[in-house]
């Protein structure tokens, strides 16, 4: 299989994530995991990225860019 064929048959991880984040239950687990990581290592960057992803997926694309 060549690269062009592979690219035609795959989807964007980000697009798939944003689609999944429209599901309330998936979003809950996603945020729980981000919060657990934050509690473990204090990394606010990953927590903010998770929150941004959820806001964007829920229709707040302009807010998510801030």
Protein backbone atom coordinates (compact mmCIF):
# COMPACT_ATOMS: atom_id res chain seq x y z
CA UNK A 1 0.00 0.00 0.00
CA UNK A 2 1.44 3.40 -0.91
CA UNK A 3 1.35 6.55 1.20
CA UNK A 4 -1.35 8.18 -0.90
CA UNK A 5 -3.70 5.23 -0.43
CA UNK A 6 -3.04 5.16 3.31
CA UNK A 7 -3.77 8.88 3.65
CA UNK A 8 -7.01 8.50 1.71
CA UNK A 9 -8.17 5.71 4.02
CA UNK A 10 -7.31 7.31 7.35
CA UNK A 11 -8.96 10.06 9.34
CA UNK A 12 -7.57 12.89 11.39
CA UNK A 13 -7.04 12.05 15.06
CA UNK A 14 -8.16 15.56 16.03
CA UNK A 15 -11.33 15.35 13.93
CA UNK A 16 -12.15 11.98 15.49
CA UNK A 17 -11.47 13.33 18.99
CA UNK A 18 -13.71 16.36 18.47
CA UNK A 19 -16.46 14.09 17.17
CA UNK A 20 -16.10 11.81 20.21
CA UNK A 21 -16.21 14.82 22.53
CA UNK A 22 -19.75 15.59 21.41
CA UNK A 23 -20.76 12.53 23.46
CA UNK A 24 -21.38 13.50 27.10
CA UNK A 25 -20.12 10.25 28.60
CA UNK A 26 -16.91 10.27 26.55
CA UNK A 27 -16.35 13.91 27.51
CA UNK A 28 -16.76 13.08 31.19
CA UNK A 29 -14.09 10.35 31.02
CA UNK A 30 -11.80 12.57 28.93
CA UNK A 31 -11.96 15.37 31.50
CA UNK A 32 -11.58 12.93 34.41
CA UNK A 33 -8.38 11.60 32.83
CA UNK A 34 -7.06 15.12 32.23
CA UNK A 35 -7.83 16.10 35.82
CA UNK A 36 -6.17 12.94 37.17
CA UNK A 37 -3.04 13.73 35.15
CA UNK A 38 -3.07 17.27 36.50
CA UNK A 39 -3.39 16.04 40.08
CA UNK A 40 -0.51 13.63 39.51
CA UNK A 41 2.00 15.91 37.83
CA UNK A 42 0.64 19.45 38.21
CA UNK A 43 0.86 20.02 34.44
CA UNK A 44 -1.71 22.70 33.68
CA UNK A 45 -0.93 22.66 29.94
CA UNK A 46 -2.56 19.29 29.34
CA UNK A 47 -5.55 20.23 31.49
CA UNK A 48 -6.08 23.46 29.54
CA UNK A 49 -5.72 21.60 26.24
CA UNK A 50 -8.38 19.11 27.31
CA UNK A 51 -10.73 21.92 28.31
CA UNK A 52 -10.07 23.68 25.01
CA UNK A 53 -10.87 20.48 23.10
CA UNK A 54 -14.18 20.08 24.93
CA UNK A 55 -15.16 23.71 24.37
CA UNK A 56 -14.37 23.43 20.67
CA UNK A 57 -16.25 20.14 20.31
CA UNK A 58 -19.29 21.59 22.05
CA UNK A 59 -19.48 24.43 19.54
CA UNK A 60 -17.33 27.10 21.17
CA UNK A 61 -14.64 27.28 18.50
CA UNK A 62 -14.12 31.03 18.91
CA UNK A 63 -13.73 30.67 22.69
CA UNK A 64 -11.39 27.69 22.29
CA UNK A 65 -8.96 29.82 20.26
CA UNK A 66 -8.38 32.20 23.19
